[in-house]
């Protein structure tokens, strides 16, 4: 992989990670849930070869229970998690 390919790969990874955070924020909002600290972990993409990670952050017990309820409801209806 050339240096240019590496830079392009890093850019694509960062864009995909930002899109994933945005989509997660939108879907949580549709369920009436807000994770105030939801973001990309800055340390994970500050490396020479970025590998962005999503930081779900901290939340109240109430929010954690609401997220759990939404996930449980999704598993009861047969919704599958799709790993990319």
N, C-alpha and C. Protein backbone atom coordinates (compact mmCIF):
# COMPACT_ATOMS: atom_id res chain seq x y z
N UNK A 1 0.85 -1.18 0.00
CA UNK A 1 0.00 0.00 0.00
C UNK A 1 0.89 1.23 0.00
N UNK A 2 0.64 2.14 -0.92
CA UNK A 2 1.43 3.37 -0.99
C UNK A 2 0.99 4.31 0.12
N UNK A 3 1.78 5.35 0.33
CA UNK A 3 1.45 6.34 1.35
C UNK A 3 0.11 7.01 1.03
N UNK A 4 -0.12 7.28 -0.27
CA UNK A 4 -1.38 7.91 -0.69
C UNK A 4 -2.56 6.98 -0.41
N UNK A 5 -2.38 5.66 -0.70
CA UNK A 5 -3.43 4.69 -0.40
C UNK A 5 -3.71 4.64 1.09
N UNK A 6 -2.66 4.70 1.90
CA UNK A 6 -2.81 4.69 3.35
C UNK A 6 -3.59 5.90 3.84
N UNK A 7 -3.29 7.05 3.27
CA UNK A 7 -4.01 8.27 3.65
C UNK A 7 -5.48 8.18 3.25
N UNK A 8 -5.72 7.66 2.06
CA UNK A 8 -7.10 7.51 1.58
C UNK A 8 -7.85 6.53 2.48
N UNK A 9 -7.19 5.42 2.83
CA UNK A 9 -7.80 4.43 3.71
C UNK A 9 -8.15 5.06 5.06
N UNK A 10 -7.22 5.85 5.62
CA UNK A 10 -7.46 6.51 6.90
C UNK A 10 -8.64 7.47 6.81
N UNK A 11 -8.72 8.20 5.71
CA UNK A 11 -9.82 9.14 5.51
C UNK A 11 -11.15 8.40 5.44
N UNK A 12 -11.18 7.30 4.70
CA UNK A 12 -12.41 6.51 4.57
C UNK A 12 -12.81 5.95 5.94
N UNK A 13 -11.85 5.42 6.70
CA UNK A 13 -12.15 4.87 8.03
C UNK A 13 -12.75 5.94 8.93
N UNK A 14 -12.16 7.12 8.90
CA UNK A 14 -12.66 8.21 9.74
C UNK A 14 -14.06 8.64 9.30
N UNK A 15 -14.29 8.73 8.00
CA UNK A 15 -15.61 9.10 7.49
C UNK A 15 -16.66 8.06 7.88
N UNK A 16 -16.30 6.77 7.78
CA UNK A 16 -17.23 5.71 8.16
C UNK A 16 -17.55 5.77 9.65
N UNK A 17 -16.53 6.05 10.45
CA UNK A 17 -16.74 6.14 11.89
C UNK A 17 -17.64 7.32 12.24
N UNK A 18 -17.41 8.46 11.60
CA UNK A 18 -18.26 9.64 11.83
C UNK A 18 -19.70 9.35 11.42
N UNK A 19 -19.87 8.66 10.30
CA UNK A 19 -21.22 8.31 9.84
C UNK A 19 -21.89 7.36 10.83
N UNK A 20 -21.14 6.42 11.37
CA UNK A 20 -21.70 5.48 12.34
C UNK A 20 -22.17 6.20 13.60
N UNK A 21 -21.39 7.16 14.07
CA UNK A 21 -21.79 7.94 15.25
C UNK A 21 -23.03 8.76 14.94
N UNK A 22 -23.07 9.37 13.77
CA UNK A 22 -24.24 10.16 13.38
C UNK A 22 -25.49 9.31 13.29
N UNK A 23 -25.36 8.13 12.68
CA UNK A 23 -26.51 7.24 12.56
C UNK A 23 -26.97 6.76 13.92
N UNK A 24 -26.01 6.41 14.79
CA UNK A 24 -26.37 5.97 16.13
C UNK A 24 -27.11 7.08 16.88
N UNK A 25 -26.61 8.30 16.75
CA UNK A 25 -27.25 9.44 17.41
C UNK A 25 -28.69 9.62 16.91
N UNK A 26 -28.89 9.49 15.59
CA UNK A 26 -30.23 9.64 15.00
C UNK A 26 -31.18 8.54 15.48
N UNK A 27 -30.71 7.30 15.47
CA UNK A 27 -31.56 6.18 15.86
C UNK A 27 -31.91 6.26 17.35
N UNK A 28 -30.94 6.63 18.16
CA UNK A 28 -31.21 6.80 19.59
C UNK A 28 -32.24 7.91 19.80
N UNK A 29 -32.11 8.99 19.04
CA UNK A 29 -33.05 10.11 19.16
C UNK A 29 -34.47 9.67 18.80
N UNK A 30 -34.59 8.81 17.78
CA UNK A 30 -35.91 8.30 17.40
C UNK A 30 -36.55 7.51 18.54
N UNK A 31 -35.71 6.93 19.39
CA UNK A 31 -36.21 6.17 20.55
C UNK A 31 -36.31 7.07 21.78
N UNK A 32 -36.05 8.37 21.60
CA UNK A 32 -36.14 9.31 22.72
C UNK A 32 -34.96 9.23 23.67
N UNK A 33 -33.82 8.78 23.16
CA UNK A 33 -32.63 8.60 24.00
C UNK A 33 -31.51 9.49 23.49
N UNK A 34 -30.81 10.11 24.43
CA UNK A 34 -29.65 10.93 24.08
C UNK A 34 -28.48 10.49 24.95
N UNK A 35 -27.39 10.11 24.28
CA UNK A 35 -26.14 9.84 24.98
C UNK A 35 -25.27 11.08 24.80
N UNK A 36 -25.20 11.93 25.83
CA UNK A 36 -24.53 13.21 25.66
C UNK A 36 -23.04 13.11 25.34
N UNK A 37 -22.41 12.03 25.73
CA UNK A 37 -20.96 11.90 25.49
C UNK A 37 -20.62 11.09 24.25
N UNK A 38 -21.62 10.69 23.47
CA UNK A 38 -21.39 9.88 22.27
C UNK A 38 -20.49 10.65 21.31
N UNK A 39 -19.38 10.01 20.93
CA UNK A 39 -18.41 10.67 20.04
C UNK A 39 -17.39 9.66 19.56
N UNK A 40 -16.53 10.12 18.68
CA UNK A 40 -15.37 9.32 18.31
C UNK A 40 -14.31 9.52 19.38
N UNK A 41 -13.63 8.46 19.73
CA UNK A 41 -12.55 8.55 20.70
C UNK A 41 -11.37 9.24 20.03
N UNK A 42 -11.00 10.43 20.47
CA UNK A 42 -9.96 11.19 19.77
C UNK A 42 -8.60 10.49 19.76
N UNK A 43 -8.29 9.73 20.77
CA UNK A 43 -6.99 9.06 20.82
C UNK A 43 -6.90 7.98 19.74
N UNK A 44 -8.03 7.33 19.46
CA UNK A 44 -8.02 6.23 18.50
C UNK A 44 -7.80 6.69 17.06
N UNK A 45 -8.09 7.95 16.76
CA UNK A 45 -7.84 8.41 15.39
C UNK A 45 -6.71 9.42 15.31
N UNK A 46 -6.00 9.62 16.40
CA UNK A 46 -4.87 10.54 16.40
C UNK A 46 -3.55 9.82 16.12
N UNK A 47 -3.64 8.53 15.86
CA UNK A 47 -2.44 7.75 15.58
C UNK A 47 -1.99 7.95 14.14
N UNK A 48 -0.80 7.45 13.84
CA UNK A 48 -0.29 7.56 12.49
C UNK A 48 -1.20 6.83 11.50
N UNK A 49 -1.68 5.63 11.91
CA UNK A 49 -2.65 4.87 11.11
C UNK A 49 -3.93 4.79 11.92
N UNK A 50 -4.83 5.75 11.74
CA UNK A 50 -6.04 5.82 12.56
C UNK A 50 -6.91 4.57 12.49
N UNK A 51 -7.45 4.22 13.62
CA UNK A 51 -8.41 3.13 13.74
C UNK A 51 -9.51 3.65 14.67
N UNK A 52 -10.41 4.48 14.14
CA UNK A 52 -11.40 5.16 14.98
C UNK A 52 -12.26 4.19 15.78
N UNK A 53 -12.47 4.54 17.03
CA UNK A 53 -13.37 3.79 17.91
C UNK A 53 -14.45 4.74 18.41
N UNK A 54 -15.64 4.19 18.63
CA UNK A 54 -16.76 4.99 19.11
C UNK A 54 -16.77 4.94 20.63
N UNK A 55 -16.84 6.11 21.22
CA UNK A 55 -16.93 6.24 22.68
C UNK A 55 -18.40 6.51 23.00
N UNK A 56 -19.05 5.54 23.63
CA UNK A 56 -20.46 5.70 23.98
C UNK A 56 -20.63 6.63 25.17
N UNK A 57 -19.59 6.83 25.93
CA UNK A 57 -19.62 7.77 27.04
C UNK A 57 -20.39 7.28 28.24
N UNK A 58 -20.64 8.21 29.12
CA UNK A 58 -21.36 7.91 30.35
C UNK A 58 -22.79 8.39 30.23
N UNK A 59 -23.67 7.74 31.01
CA UNK A 59 -25.07 8.16 31.02
C UNK A 59 -25.66 7.81 32.38
N UNK A 60 -26.85 8.33 32.61
CA UNK A 60 -27.53 8.04 33.87
C UNK A 60 -28.06 6.61 33.86
N UNK A 61 -28.41 6.12 35.02
CA UNK A 61 -28.98 4.77 35.13
C UNK A 61 -30.28 4.71 34.34
N UNK A 62 -31.08 5.78 34.38
CA UNK A 62 -32.33 5.81 33.62
C UNK A 62 -32.07 5.63 32.13
N UNK A 63 -31.10 6.34 31.59
CA UNK A 63 -30.79 6.23 30.17
C UNK A 63 -30.27 4.83 29.86
N UNK A 64 -29.43 4.27 30.72
CA UNK A 64 -28.93 2.90 30.51
C UNK A 64 -30.09 1.91 30.48
N UNK A 65 -31.06 2.08 31.37
CA UNK A 65 -32.22 1.19 31.38
C UNK A 65 -33.06 1.35 30.12
N UNK A 66 -33.18 2.58 29.61
CA UNK A 66 -33.95 2.81 28.39
C UNK A 66 -33.25 2.20 27.18
N UNK A 67 -31.93 2.32 27.11
CA UNK A 67 -31.17 1.71 26.01
C UNK A 67 -31.34 0.19 26.08
N UNK A 68 -31.23 -0.37 27.27
CA UNK A 68 -31.41 -1.81 27.45
C UNK A 68 -32.79 -2.26 27.01
N UNK A 69 -33.81 -1.49 27.36
CA UNK A 69 -35.18 -1.85 26.98
C UNK A 69 -35.35 -1.86 25.46
N UNK A 70 -34.75 -0.88 24.79
CA UNK A 70 -34.84 -0.82 23.33
C UNK A 70 -34.12 -2.01 22.70
N UNK A 71 -32.96 -2.34 23.22
CA UNK A 71 -32.22 -3.50 22.70
C UNK A 71 -32.97 -4.80 22.96
N UNK A 72 -33.53 -4.94 24.15
CA UNK A 72 -34.31 -6.14 24.45
C UNK A 72 -35.52 -6.27 23.54
N UNK A 73 -36.21 -5.16 23.29
CA UNK A 73 -37.37 -5.18 22.41
C UNK A 73 -36.95 -5.60 20.99
N UNK A 74 -35.81 -5.12 20.56
CA UNK A 74 -35.32 -5.48 19.23
C UNK A 74 -34.98 -6.95 19.12
N UNK A 75 -34.42 -7.52 20.18
CA UNK A 75 -34.09 -8.95 20.12
C UNK A 75 -35.33 -9.81 20.22
N UNK A 76 -36.36 -9.35 20.91
CA UNK A 76 -37.62 -10.11 21.01
C UNK A 76 -38.35 -10.15 19.68
N UNK A 77 -38.21 -9.10 18.88
CA UNK A 77 -38.92 -9.06 17.60
C UNK A 77 -38.13 -9.73 16.49
N UNK A 78 -36.99 -10.29 16.85
CA UNK A 78 -36.19 -11.00 15.87
C UNK A 78 -35.27 -10.11 15.08
N UNK A 79 -35.13 -8.85 15.51
CA UNK A 79 -34.21 -7.95 14.82
C UNK A 79 -32.80 -8.46 15.00
N UNK A 80 -32.06 -8.48 13.94
CA UNK A 80 -30.68 -8.99 13.99
C UNK A 80 -29.69 -7.84 13.94
N UNK A 81 -28.61 -7.99 14.67
CA UNK A 81 -27.52 -7.03 14.59
C UNK A 81 -26.66 -7.44 13.40
N UNK A 82 -26.35 -6.47 12.60
CA UNK A 82 -25.54 -6.75 11.41
C UNK A 82 -24.14 -6.21 11.63
N UNK A 83 -23.16 -7.08 11.61
CA UNK A 83 -21.77 -6.70 11.79
C UNK A 83 -21.16 -6.45 10.42
N UNK A 84 -20.50 -5.32 10.28
CA UNK A 84 -19.85 -5.02 8.99
C UNK A 84 -18.41 -5.38 9.06
